[in-house]
Amino acid sequence: MADKKEMKIFTLSEYEEEEQYLNQMARSGYLFEKVTLPGVYHFRKIAPVNMVYRIDFNPKKKEDWDSYKQMYQDYGWTYIQDLNEYSYFCKVAEDEEEANEIFSDNQSRIDMMDRIIRRKMLPIVAIFLCCVIPQAVRMADGMYTDRVSIAFYILWVILIVLYVYLIARSTAGFVRLRKKYEMEK
């Protein structure tokens, strides 16, 4: 069987689901090699393996990169790639009971989630409130008589609905994760 590419979209709060997807692909005989935008996952066909993938979000300065990567290597994790400030790591798990977390405690998980919200979610919401909504209000006041204007208006409405859906889905995911992490403390 040949190598494989799959397109999957995960929101900002679905990093655990993305990890599970990559874990399952390895158990199915597809080793994760990289992900490219917009969500195209590249796999290499191998014998099924119990590989554990973890994703960390830790925007770092260039001079801190080597120590960051070395810290994970010291704990047995192999660095795969960075994409959009998310770092992908993996290691082979001997058994299901093996400790396969990159975080030492739930507070570390909450801290990572807070970094994602500050660095990714808040700018998205700000752009939506400052740019998308005002433009939508201006467009609603206009008269659209020609087909091109109507097409652009419909496209804009679709994009607004998609934007609202993604913000709501990410927000709900962050609320769910925060409750999960706080309950496990």
Protein backbone atom coordinates (compact mmCIF):
# COMPACT_ATOMS: atom_id res chain seq x y z
CA MET A 1 0.00 0.00 0.00
CA ALA A 2 1.18 3.53 -0.74
CA ASP A 3 1.73 6.60 1.36
CA LYS A 4 -1.37 8.56 2.23
CA LYS A 5 -2.62 12.14 2.45
CA GLU A 6 -5.78 13.13 4.28
CA MET A 7 -7.41 16.46 4.80
CA LYS A 8 -8.74 17.08 8.32
CA ILE A 9 -9.64 20.35 9.98
CA PHE A 10 -9.27 20.78 13.72
CA THR A 11 -10.18 23.97 15.55
CA LEU A 12 -7.87 25.69 18.03
CA SER A 13 -9.30 23.74 20.95
CA GLU A 14 -9.24 20.32 19.27
CA TYR A 15 -5.58 19.49 19.75
CA GLU A 16 -6.44 16.41 21.85
CA GLU A 17 -8.68 15.12 19.04
CA GLU A 18 -5.86 15.76 16.58
CA GLU A 19 -3.48 13.74 18.77
CA GLN A 20 -5.97 10.86 18.92
CA TYR A 21 -6.37 10.97 15.13
CA LEU A 22 -2.59 10.70 14.67
CA ASN A 23 -2.36 7.90 17.28
CA GLN A 24 -5.08 5.93 15.49
CA MET A 25 -3.43 6.38 12.10
CA ALA A 26 -0.17 4.92 13.49
CA ARG A 27 -2.06 1.94 14.93
CA SER A 28 -3.57 1.52 11.45
CA GLY A 29 -0.12 1.47 9.86
CA TYR A 30 0.32 5.09 8.79
CA LEU A 31 3.16 7.07 10.36
CA PHE A 32 2.59 10.81 10.54
CA GLU A 33 5.27 12.75 8.69
CA LYS A 34 3.93 16.31 8.48
CA VAL A 35 0.89 18.49 8.19
CA THR A 36 0.59 21.37 5.74
CA LEU A 37 -2.00 24.10 5.51
CA PRO A 38 -4.95 23.83 5.10
CA GLY A 39 -4.99 20.64 7.20
CA VAL A 40 -3.40 18.15 4.81
CA TYR A 41 -1.82 15.32 6.79
CA HIS A 42 0.97 13.31 5.18
CA PHE A 43 1.53 9.70 6.26
CA ARG A 44 4.00 6.98 5.35
CA LYS A 45 2.82 3.36 5.20
CA ILE A 46 4.47 1.19 7.87
CA ALA A 47 3.64 -1.83 10.01
CA PRO A 48 1.11 -0.81 12.67
CA VAL A 49 2.80 0.68 15.72
CA ASN A 50 1.63 2.01 19.07
CA MET A 51 2.92 5.54 18.49
CA VAL A 52 1.88 8.35 20.80
CA TYR A 53 1.65 11.86 19.42
CA ARG A 54 1.49 15.03 21.47
CA ILE A 55 1.03 18.62 20.41
CA ASP A 56 2.40 21.56 22.36
CA PHE A 57 1.65 25.21 21.82
CA ASN A 58 4.56 27.23 23.07
CA PRO A 59 5.54 30.26 21.01
CA LYS A 60 9.25 30.53 21.55
CA LYS A 61 12.05 32.81 20.60
CA LYS A 62 14.63 31.52 18.16
CA GLU A 63 17.36 31.50 20.82
CA ASP A 64 15.17 29.30 23.10
CA TRP A 65 14.42 26.74 20.38
CA ASP A 66 17.37 24.40 21.02
CA SER A 67 16.72 24.09 24.76
CA TYR A 68 12.98 23.62 24.14
CA LYS A 69 13.60 20.79 21.69
CA GLN A 70 16.29 19.24 23.91
CA MET A 71 13.94 19.16 26.90
CA TYR A 72 11.47 16.97 24.99
CA GLN A 73 14.25 14.76 23.62
CA ASP A 74 15.50 14.20 27.18
CA TYR A 75 12.08 12.74 28.02
CA GLY A 76 12.08 10.45 24.98
CA TRP A 77 10.00 12.52 22.58
CA THR A 78 10.96 12.90 18.92
CA TYR A 79 10.32 16.27 17.33
CA ILE A 80 8.39 16.13 14.05
CA GLN A 81 7.59 19.70 13.04
CA ASP A 82 6.22 23.12 13.95
CA LEU A 83 3.17 24.54 12.25
CA ASN A 84 1.53 27.80 13.22
CA GLU A 85 3.32 27.78 16.63
CA TYR A 86 2.15 24.22 17.40
CA SER A 87 4.95 21.68 17.92
CA TYR A 88 4.37 18.02 17.07
CA PHE A 89 6.17 15.28 19.02
CA CYS A 90 5.94 11.49 19.08
CA LYS A 91 7.32 8.43 20.79
CA VAL A 92 6.68 4.70 20.71
CA ALA A 93 4.64 3.50 23.69
CA GLU A 94 5.63 0.12 25.09
CA ASP A 95 2.19 -0.41 26.61
CA GLU A 96 -1.00 1.49 27.37
CA GLU A 97 0.06 2.11 30.98
CA GLU A 98 3.25 3.89 29.96
CA ALA A 99 3.28 7.55 30.87
CA ASN A 100 2.80 9.23 27.55
CA GLU A 101 2.15 12.83 28.44
CA ILE A 102 4.34 15.82 27.76
CA PHE A 103 2.72 17.77 30.58
CA SER A 104 3.61 17.09 34.19
CA ASP A 105 0.27 18.28 35.57
CA ASN A 106 -3.09 19.76 34.63
CA GLN A 107 -1.94 23.28 35.46
CA SER A 108 0.57 22.95 32.59
CA ARG A 109 -2.30 21.95 30.29
CA ILE A 110 -4.35 24.95 31.44
CA ASP A 111 -1.34 27.22 30.88
CA MET A 112 -0.98 25.92 27.32
CA MET A 113 -4.67 26.44 26.68
CA ASP A 114 -4.40 30.02 27.99
CA ARG A 115 -1.46 30.65 25.62
CA ILE A 116 -3.57 29.44 22.69
CA ILE A 117 -6.46 31.70 23.70
CA ARG A 118 -4.19 34.75 24.08
CA ARG A 119 -2.12 34.18 20.92
CA LYS A 120 -4.74 32.76 18.56
CA MET A 121 -8.32 33.08 19.77
CA LEU A 122 -8.32 36.71 20.97
CA PRO A 123 -6.88 38.07 17.69
CA ILE A 124 -9.47 36.10 15.71
CA VAL A 125 -12.30 37.52 17.82
CA ALA A 126 -10.82 41.04 17.57
CA ILE A 127 -10.62 40.83 13.77
CA PHE A 128 -14.18 39.59 13.67
CA LEU A 129 -15.49 42.41 15.86
CA CYS A 130 -13.41 45.20 14.31
CA CYS A 131 -13.42 44.22 10.64
CA VAL A 132 -15.95 41.58 9.71
CA ILE A 133 -18.99 42.90 11.59
CA PRO A 134 -18.57 46.56 10.47
CA GLN A 135 -18.16 45.43 6.87
CA ALA A 136 -21.26 43.26 7.15
CA VAL A 137 -23.25 46.23 8.46
CA ARG A 138 -22.05 48.38 5.53
CA MET A 139 -22.94 45.65 3.07
CA ALA A 140 -26.41 45.26 4.55
CA ASP A 141 -27.16 48.92 3.78
CA GLY A 142 -26.25 48.62 0.09
CA MET A 143 -28.40 47.92 -2.91
CA TYR A 144 -27.28 44.86 -4.77
CA THR A 145 -28.73 44.69 -8.23
CA ASP A 146 -26.03 43.17 -10.40
CA ARG A 147 -25.06 39.51 -10.18
CA VAL A 148 -21.45 40.13 -9.13
CA SER A 149 -22.50 42.28 -6.15
CA ILE A 150 -25.10 39.72 -5.11
CA ALA A 151 -22.53 36.91 -5.39
CA PHE A 152 -20.04 38.80 -3.23
CA TYR A 153 -22.74 39.56 -0.67
CA ILE A 154 -23.74 35.88 -0.47
CA LEU A 155 -20.08 34.87 -0.17
CA TRP A 156 -19.60 37.40 2.65
CA VAL A 157 -22.64 36.04 4.51
CA ILE A 158 -21.33 32.47 4.17
CA LEU A 159 -17.94 33.55 5.50
CA ILE A 160 -19.56 35.30 8.49
CA VAL A 161 -21.57 32.19 9.33
CA LEU A 162 -18.43 30.04 9.05
CA TYR A 163 -16.46 32.47 11.20
CA VAL A 164 -19.17 32.48 13.91
CA TYR A 165 -19.35 28.67 13.81
CA LEU A 166 -15.58 28.26 14.22
CA ILE A 167 -15.39 30.81 17.05
CA ALA A 168 -18.31 29.15 18.85
CA ARG A 169 -16.88 25.65 18.36
CA SER A 170 -13.44 26.71 19.62
CA THR A 171 -14.92 28.55 22.59
CA ALA A 172 -17.05 25.55 23.55
CA GLY A 173 -13.97 23.33 23.25
CA PHE A 174 -11.91 25.56 25.52
CA VAL A 175 -14.71 25.62 28.11
CA ARG A 176 -14.91 21.80 27.98
CA LEU A 177 -11.12 21.43 28.31
CA ARG A 178 -10.90 23.88 31.21
CA LYS A 179 -13.60 21.96 33.11
CA LYS A 180 -11.86 18.67 32.36
CA TYR A 181 -8.45 19.89 33.50
CA GLU A 182 -9.78 21.62 36.61
CA MET A 183 -11.77 18.53 37.67
CA GLU A 184 -8.68 16.33 37.35
CA LYS A 185 -6.51 18.59 39.55
